[in-house]
Amino acid sequence: GVMHAGWRATALGMPGIGAELKARTSHVGPWV
């Protein structure tokens, strides 16, 4: 398949909580 890397690519493994983390997870990653 071909799919966006998803919120895990931008959220996990990086510091952040609350609104800042939510904002970052709203952006999907690149197509893989």
PDB file of all heavy atoms in Angstrom:
ATOM      1  N   GLY A   1       0.817  -1.197   0.000  1.00  0.00           N
ATOM      2  CA  GLY A   1       0.000   0.000   0.000  1.00  0.00           C
ATOM      3  C   GLY A   1       0.855   1.252   0.000  1.00  0.00           C
ATOM      4  O   GLY A   1       2.085   1.202   0.133  1.00  0.00           O
ATOM      5  N   VAL A   2       0.183   2.372  -0.168  1.00  0.00           N
ATOM      6  CA  VAL A   2       0.818   3.686  -0.072  1.00  0.00           C
ATOM      7  C   VAL A   2      -0.022   4.489   0.905  1.00  0.00           C
ATOM      8  O   VAL A   2      -1.241   4.590   0.737  1.00  0.00           O
ATOM      9  CB  VAL A   2       0.894   4.400  -1.438  1.00  0.00           C
ATOM     10  CG1 VAL A   2       1.661   5.710  -1.319  1.00  0.00           C
ATOM     11  CG2 VAL A   2       1.542   3.492  -2.489  1.00  0.00           C
ATOM     12  N   MET A   3       0.597   5.020   1.908  1.00  0.00           N
ATOM     13  CA  MET A   3      -0.162   5.737   2.935  1.00  0.00           C
ATOM     14  C   MET A   3       0.696   6.817   3.572  1.00  0.00           C
ATOM     15  O   MET A   3       1.924   6.796   3.479  1.00  0.00           O
ATOM     16  CB  MET A   3      -0.648   4.758   4.009  1.00  0.00           C
ATOM     17  CG  MET A   3       0.452   4.048   4.766  1.00  0.00           C
ATOM     18  SD  MET A   3      -0.184   2.717   5.814  1.00  0.00           S
ATOM     19  CE  MET A   3      -0.771   1.569   4.570  1.00  0.00           C
ATOM     20  N   HIS A   4       0.003   7.749   4.211  1.00  0.00           N
ATOM     21  CA  HIS A   4       0.733   8.751   4.977  1.00  0.00           C
ATOM     22  C   HIS A   4       1.363   8.095   6.190  1.00  0.00           C
ATOM     23  O   HIS A   4       0.776   7.206   6.826  1.00  0.00           O
ATOM     24  CB  HIS A   4      -0.213   9.861   5.430  1.00  0.00           C
ATOM     25  CG  HIS A   4      -0.570  10.829   4.339  1.00  0.00           C
ATOM     26  ND1 HIS A   4       0.339  11.695   3.797  1.00  0.00           N
ATOM     27  CD2 HIS A   4      -1.738  11.044   3.687  1.00  0.00           C
ATOM     28  CE1 HIS A   4      -0.262  12.427   2.869  1.00  0.00           C
ATOM     29  NE2 HIS A   4      -1.517  12.047   2.777  1.00  0.00           N
ATOM     30  N   ALA A   5       2.552   8.558   6.540  1.00  0.00           N
ATOM     31  CA  ALA A   5       3.225   8.027   7.717  1.00  0.00           C
ATOM     32  C   ALA A   5       2.391   8.252   8.973  1.00  0.00           C
ATOM     33  O   ALA A   5       2.497   7.514   9.941  1.00  0.00           O
ATOM     34  CB  ALA A   5       4.601   8.656   7.868  1.00  0.00           C
ATOM     35  N   GLY A   6       1.536   9.280   8.964  1.00  0.00           N
ATOM     36  CA  GLY A   6       0.581   9.468  10.052  1.00  0.00           C
ATOM     37  C   GLY A   6       1.140  10.262  11.212  1.00  0.00           C
ATOM     38  O   GLY A   6       2.300  10.664  11.250  1.00  0.00           O
ATOM     39  N   TRP A   7       0.271  10.466  12.202  1.00  0.00           N
ATOM     40  CA  TRP A   7       0.636  11.330  13.319  1.00  0.00           C
ATOM     41  C   TRP A   7       1.786  10.770  14.150  1.00  0.00           C
ATOM     42  O   TRP A   7       2.526  11.530  14.788  1.00  0.00           O
ATOM     43  CB  TRP A   7      -0.580  11.565  14.223  1.00  0.00           C
ATOM     44  CG  TRP A   7      -1.144  10.324  14.851  1.00  0.00           C
ATOM     45  CD1 TRP A   7      -2.120   9.527  14.346  1.00  0.00           C
ATOM     46  CD2 TRP A   7      -0.756   9.739  16.098  1.00  0.00           C
ATOM     47  NE1 TRP A   7      -2.371   8.478  15.187  1.00  0.00           N
ATOM     48  CE2 TRP A   7      -1.561   8.577  16.276  1.00  0.00           C
ATOM     49  CE3 TRP A   7       0.174  10.076  17.080  1.00  0.00           C
ATOM     50  CZ2 TRP A   7      -1.438   7.763  17.397  1.00  0.00           C
ATOM     51  CZ3 TRP A   7       0.289   9.258  18.197  1.00  0.00           C
ATOM     52  CH2 TRP A   7      -0.506   8.128  18.345  1.00  0.00           C
ATOM     53  N   ARG A   8       1.975   9.451  14.134  1.00  0.00           N
ATOM     54  CA  ARG A   8       3.058   8.890  14.938  1.00  0.00           C
ATOM     55  C   ARG A   8       4.420   9.401  14.475  1.00  0.00           C
ATOM     56  O   ARG A   8       5.351   9.535  15.269  1.00  0.00           O
ATOM     57  CB  ARG A   8       3.020   7.364  14.880  1.00  0.00           C
ATOM     58  CG  ARG A   8       1.844   6.763  15.634  1.00  0.00           C
ATOM     59  CD  ARG A   8       1.793   5.250  15.477  1.00  0.00           C
ATOM     60  NE  ARG A   8       0.732   4.654  16.276  1.00  0.00           N
ATOM     61  CZ  ARG A   8      -0.520   4.585  15.907  1.00  0.00           C
ATOM     62  NH1 ARG A   8      -0.889   5.098  14.745  1.00  0.00           N
ATOM     63  NH2 ARG A   8      -1.425   4.022  16.692  1.00  0.00           N
ATOM     64  N   ALA A   9       4.531   9.673  13.169  1.00  0.00           N
ATOM     65  CA  ALA A   9       5.814  10.150  12.645  1.00  0.00           C
ATOM     66  C   ALA A   9       6.172  11.527  13.176  1.00  0.00           C
ATOM     67  O   ALA A   9       7.344  11.882  13.273  1.00  0.00           O
ATOM     68  CB  ALA A   9       5.762  10.176  11.111  1.00  0.00           C
ATOM     69  N   THR A  10       5.160  12.318  13.515  1.00  0.00           N
ATOM     70  CA  THR A  10       5.442  13.673  13.987  1.00  0.00           C
ATOM     71  C   THR A  10       5.267  13.828  15.485  1.00  0.00           C
ATOM     72  O   THR A  10       5.651  14.852  16.048  1.00  0.00           O
ATOM     73  CB  THR A  10       4.503  14.675  13.280  1.00  0.00           C
ATOM     74  OG1 THR A  10       3.148  14.264  13.489  1.00  0.00           O
ATOM     75  CG2 THR A  10       4.780  14.721  11.789  1.00  0.00           C
ATOM     76  N   ALA A  11       4.703  12.819  16.145  1.00  0.00           N
ATOM     77  CA  ALA A  11       4.399  12.959  17.568  1.00  0.00           C
ATOM     78  C   ALA A  11       5.281  12.118  18.470  1.00  0.00           C
ATOM     79  O   ALA A  11       5.692  12.576  19.531  1.00  0.00           O
ATOM     80  CB  ALA A  11       2.930  12.595  17.812  1.00  0.00           C
ATOM     81  N   LEU A  12       5.562  10.889  18.075  1.00  0.00           N
ATOM     82  CA  LEU A  12       6.303  10.007  18.959  1.00  0.00           C
ATOM     83  C   LEU A  12       7.806  10.263  18.856  1.00  0.00           C
ATOM     84  O   LEU A  12       8.331  10.594  17.806  1.00  0.00           O
ATOM     85  CB  LEU A  12       6.002   8.542  18.621  1.00  0.00           C
ATOM     86  CG  LEU A  12       4.547   8.103  18.815  1.00  0.00           C
ATOM     87  CD1 LEU A  12       4.417   6.612  18.547  1.00  0.00           C
ATOM     88  CD2 LEU A  12       4.050   8.423  20.211  1.00  0.00           C
ATOM     89  N   GLY A  13       8.472  10.069  19.967  1.00  0.00           N
ATOM     90  CA  GLY A  13       9.920  10.225  19.976  1.00  0.00           C
ATOM     91  C   GLY A  13      10.387  11.664  20.028  1.00  0.00           C
ATOM     92  O   GLY A  13      11.581  11.946  19.918  1.00  0.00           O
ATOM     93  N   MET A  14       9.454  12.600  20.202  1.00  0.00           N
ATOM     94  CA  MET A  14       9.805  14.016  20.295  1.00  0.00           C
ATOM     95  C   MET A  14       9.129  14.602  21.527  1.00  0.00           C
ATOM     96  O   MET A  14       8.029  14.198  21.893  1.00  0.00           O
ATOM     97  CB  MET A  14       9.339  14.774  19.036  1.00  0.00           C
ATOM     98  CG  MET A  14       9.996  14.279  17.751  1.00  0.00           C
ATOM     99  SD  MET A  14       9.266  15.046  16.283  1.00  0.00           S
ATOM    100  CE  MET A  14       9.647  16.770  16.589  1.00  0.00           C
ATOM    101  N   PRO A  15       9.777  15.540  22.206  1.00  0.00           N
ATOM    102  CA  PRO A  15       9.171  16.114  23.415  1.00  0.00           C
ATOM    103  C   PRO A  15       7.949  16.957  23.078  1.00  0.00           C
ATOM    104  O   PRO A  15       7.811  17.487  21.974  1.00  0.00           O
ATOM    105  CB  PRO A  15      10.298  16.978  23.994  1.00  0.00           C
ATOM    106  CG  PRO A  15      11.151  17.329  22.820  1.00  0.00           C
ATOM    107  CD  PRO A  15      11.099  16.139  21.915  1.00  0.00           C
ATOM    108  N   GLY A  16       7.049  17.073  24.047  1.00  0.00           N
ATOM    109  CA  GLY A  16       5.886  17.928  23.856  1.00  0.00           C
ATOM    110  C   GLY A  16       4.675  17.395  24.588  1.00  0.00           C
ATOM    111  O   GLY A  16       4.504  16.192  24.733  1.00  0.00           O
ATOM    112  N   ILE A  17       3.834  18.302  25.077  1.00  0.00           N
ATOM    113  CA  ILE A  17       2.581  17.945  25.725  1.00  0.00           C
ATOM    114  C   ILE A  17       1.518  18.962  25.344  1.00  0.00           C
ATOM    115  O   ILE A  17       1.825  20.029  24.792  1.00  0.00           O
ATOM    116  CB  ILE A  17       2.711  17.889  27.269  1.00  0.00           C
ATOM    117  CG1 ILE A  17       3.129  19.267  27.815  1.00  0.00           C
ATOM    118  CG2 ILE A  17       3.679  16.809  27.704  1.00  0.00           C
ATOM    119  CD1 ILE A  17       3.108  19.344  29.328  1.00  0.00           C
ATOM    120  N   GLY A  18       0.257  18.614  25.645  1.00  0.00           N
ATOM    121  CA  GLY A  18      -0.833  19.566  25.517  1.00  0.00           C
ATOM    122  C   GLY A  18      -1.073  20.077  24.119  1.00  0.00           C
ATOM    123  O   GLY A  18      -0.960  19.351  23.125  1.00  0.00           O
ATOM    124  N   ALA A  19      -1.372  21.395  24.031  1.00  0.00           N
ATOM    125  CA  ALA A  19      -1.772  22.011  22.759  1.00  0.00           C
ATOM    126  C   ALA A  19      -0.689  21.888  21.699  1.00  0.00           C
ATOM    127  O   ALA A  19      -0.975  21.663  20.513  1.00  0.00           O
ATOM    128  CB  ALA A  19      -2.150  23.466  22.986  1.00  0.00           C
ATOM    129  N   GLU A  20       0.562  22.033  22.137  1.00  0.00           N
ATOM    130  CA  GLU A  20       1.661  21.979  21.164  1.00  0.00           C
ATOM    131  C   GLU A  20       1.764  20.586  20.535  1.00  0.00           C
ATOM    132  O   GLU A  20       1.975  20.450  19.334  1.00  0.00           O
ATOM    133  CB  GLU A  20       2.962  22.349  21.876  1.00  0.00           C
ATOM    134  CG  GLU A  20       4.183  22.447  20.952  1.00  0.00           C
ATOM    135  CD  GLU A  20       4.980  21.146  20.894  1.00  0.00           C
ATOM    136  OE1 GLU A  20       4.829  20.327  21.819  1.00  0.00           O
ATOM    137  OE2 GLU A  20       5.698  20.945  19.889  1.00  0.00           O
ATOM    138  N   LEU A  21       1.570  19.537  21.357  1.00  0.00           N
ATOM    139  CA  LEU A  21       1.603  18.163  20.850  1.00  0.00           C
ATOM    140  C   LEU A  21       0.414  17.906  19.928  1.00  0.00           C
ATOM    141  O   LEU A  21       0.558  17.313  18.851  1.00  0.00           O
ATOM    142  CB  LEU A  21       1.590  17.176  22.009  1.00  0.00           C
ATOM    143  CG  LEU A  21       1.540  15.693  21.637  1.00  0.00           C
ATOM    144  CD1 LEU A  21       2.773  15.299  20.839  1.00  0.00           C
ATOM    145  CD2 LEU A  21       1.396  14.825  22.878  1.00  0.00           C
ATOM    146  N   LYS A  22      -0.769  18.383  20.329  1.00  0.00           N
ATOM    147  CA  LYS A  22      -1.960  18.190  19.497  1.00  0.00           C
ATOM    148  C   LYS A  22      -1.797  18.860  18.141  1.00  0.00           C
ATOM    149  O   LYS A  22      -2.193  18.334  17.102  1.00  0.00           O
ATOM    150  CB  LYS A  22      -3.195  18.724  20.207  1.00  0.00           C
ATOM    151  CG  LYS A  22      -3.611  17.921  21.430  1.00  0.00           C
ATOM    152  CD  LYS A  22      -4.836  18.540  22.091  1.00  0.00           C
ATOM    153  CE  LYS A  22      -5.251  17.756  23.327  1.00  0.00           C
ATOM    154  NZ  LYS A  22      -6.405  18.373  24.011  1.00  0.00           N
ATOM    155  N   ALA A  23      -1.215  20.053  18.151  1.00  0.00           N
ATOM    156  CA  ALA A  23      -1.018  20.775  16.888  1.00  0.00           C
ATOM    157  C   ALA A  23      -0.088  19.996  15.965  1.00  0.00           C
ATOM    158  O   ALA A  23      -0.302  19.919  14.749  1.00  0.00           O
ATOM    159  CB  ALA A  23      -0.455  22.166  17.162  1.00  0.00           C
ATOM    160  N   ARG A  24       0.930  19.397  16.557  1.00  0.00           N
ATOM    161  CA  ARG A  24       1.889  18.654  15.749  1.00  0.00           C
ATOM    162  C   ARG A  24       1.263  17.382  15.169  1.00  0.00           C
ATOM    163  O   ARG A  24       1.562  16.978  14.046  1.00  0.00           O
ATOM    164  CB  ARG A  24       3.104  18.291  16.608  1.00  0.00           C
ATOM    165  CG  ARG A  24       4.327  17.913  15.770  1.00  0.00           C
ATOM    166  CD  ARG A  24       5.617  17.963  16.582  1.00  0.00           C
ATOM    167  NE  ARG A  24       5.631  16.950  17.627  1.00  0.00           N
ATOM    168  CZ  ARG A  24       5.913  17.209  18.903  1.00  0.00           C
ATOM    169  NH1 ARG A  24       6.160  18.448  19.299  1.00  0.00           N
ATOM    170  NH2 ARG A  24       5.920  16.238  19.793  1.00  0.00           N
ATOM    171  N   THR A  25       0.372  16.749  15.928  1.00  0.00           N
ATOM    172  CA  THR A  25      -0.239  15.512  15.435  1.00  0.00           C
ATOM    173  C   THR A  25      -1.292  15.761  14.371  1.00  0.00           C
ATOM    174  O   THR A  25      -1.754  14.828  13.730  1.00  0.00           O
ATOM    175  CB  THR A  25      -0.879  14.717  16.591  1.00  0.00           C
ATOM    176  OG1 THR A  25      -1.901  15.504  17.199  1.00  0.00           O
ATOM    177  CG2 THR A  25       0.150  14.325  17.632  1.00  0.00           C
ATOM    178  N   SER A  26      -1.701  17.003  14.179  1.00  0.00           N
ATOM    179  CA  SER A  26      -2.701  17.282  13.150  1.00  0.00           C
ATOM    180  C   SER A  26      -2.111  17.247  11.757  1.00  0.00           C
ATOM    181  O   SER A  26      -2.836  17.248  10.760  1.00  0.00           O
ATOM    182  CB  SER A  26      -3.360  18.648  13.400  1.00  0.00           C
ATOM    183  OG  SER A  26      -2.410  19.686  13.213  1.00  0.00           O
ATOM    184  N   HIS A  27      -0.803  17.208  11.658  1.00  0.00           N
ATOM    185  CA  HIS A  27      -0.138  17.179  10.352  1.00  0.00           C
ATOM    186  C   HIS A  27       0.295  15.756  10.036  1.00  0.00           C
ATOM    187  O   HIS A  27       1.054  15.157  10.790  1.00  0.00           O
ATOM    188  CB  HIS A  27       1.086  18.101  10.347  1.00  0.00           C
ATOM    189  CG  HIS A  27       0.752  19.527  10.639  1.00  0.00           C
ATOM    190  ND1 HIS A  27       0.062  20.334   9.760  1.00  0.00           N
ATOM    191  CD2 HIS A  27       0.986  20.290  11.741  1.00  0.00           C
ATOM    192  CE1 HIS A  27      -0.097  21.542  10.292  1.00  0.00           C
ATOM    193  NE2 HIS A  27       0.445  21.539  11.492  1.00  0.00           N
ATOM    194  N   VAL A  28      -0.220  15.219   8.946  1.00  0.00           N
ATOM    195  CA  VAL A  28       0.164  13.872   8.561  1.00  0.00           C
ATOM    196  C   VAL A  28       1.573  13.881   7.995  1.00  0.00           C
ATOM    197  O   VAL A  28       2.059  14.897   7.490  1.00  0.00           O
ATOM    198  CB  VAL A  28      -0.821  13.285   7.527  1.00  0.00           C
ATOM    199  CG1 VAL A  28      -2.192  13.117   8.142  1.00  0.00           C
ATOM    200  CG2 VAL A  28      -0.875  14.138   6.270  1.00  0.00           C
ATOM    201  N   GLY A  29       2.224  12.743   8.085  1.00  0.00           N
ATOM    202  CA  GLY A  29       3.576  12.624   7.573  1.00  0.00           C
ATOM    203  C   GLY A  29       3.603  12.435   6.064  1.00  0.00           C
ATOM    204  O   GLY A  29       2.572  12.491   5.387  1.00  0.00           O
ATOM    205  N   PRO A  30       4.772  12.153   5.509  1.00  0.00           N
ATOM    206  CA  PRO A  30       4.903  11.975   4.055  1.00  0.00           C
ATOM    207  C   PRO A  30       4.276  10.667   3.601  1.00  0.00           C
ATOM    208  O   PRO A  30       4.016   9.759   4.400  1.00  0.00           O
ATOM    209  CB  PRO A  30       6.422  11.944   3.862  1.00  0.00           C
ATOM    210  CG  PRO A  30       6.947  11.414   5.166  1.00  0.00           C
ATOM    211  CD  PRO A  30       6.045  11.991   6.224  1.00  0.00           C
ATOM    212  N   TRP A  31       4.030  10.568   2.303  1.00  0.00           N
ATOM    213  CA  TRP A  31       3.541   9.309   1.742  1.00  0.00           C
ATOM    214  C   TRP A  31       4.657   8.265   1.786  1.00  0.00           C
ATOM    215  O   TRP A  31       5.808   8.549   1.439  1.00  0.00           O
ATOM    216  CB  TRP A  31       3.106   9.495   0.292  1.00  0.00           C
ATOM    217  CG  TRP A  31       1.836  10.260   0.109  1.00  0.00           C
ATOM    218  CD1 TRP A  31       1.711  11.592  -0.142  1.00  0.00           C
ATOM    219  CD2 TRP A  31       0.503   9.731   0.130  1.00  0.00           C
ATOM    220  NE1 TRP A  31       0.391  11.937  -0.274  1.00  0.00           N
ATOM    221  CE2 TRP A  31      -0.379  10.816  -0.112  1.00  0.00           C
ATOM    222  CE3 TRP A  31      -0.034   8.472   0.333  1.00  0.00           C
ATOM    223  CZ2 TRP A  31      -1.761  10.660  -0.159  1.00  0.00           C
ATOM    224  CZ3 TRP A  31      -1.405   8.309   0.284  1.00  0.00           C
ATOM    225  CH2 TRP A  31      -2.254   9.395   0.044  1.00  0.00           C
ATOM    226  N   VAL A  32       4.296   7.060   2.219  1.00  0.00           N
ATOM    227  CA  VAL A  32       5.240   5.945   2.286  1.00  0.00           C
ATOM    228  C   VAL A  32       4.658   4.777   1.485  1.00  0.00           C
ATOM    229  O   VAL A  32       3.479   4.440   1.629  1.00  0.00           O
ATOM    230  CB  VAL A  32       5.485   5.510   3.746  1.00  0.00           C
ATOM    231  CG1 VAL A  32       6.368   4.271   3.793  1.00  0.00           C
ATOM    232  CG2 VAL A  32       6.119   6.643   4.543  1.00  0.00           C
TER     233      VAL A  32
END
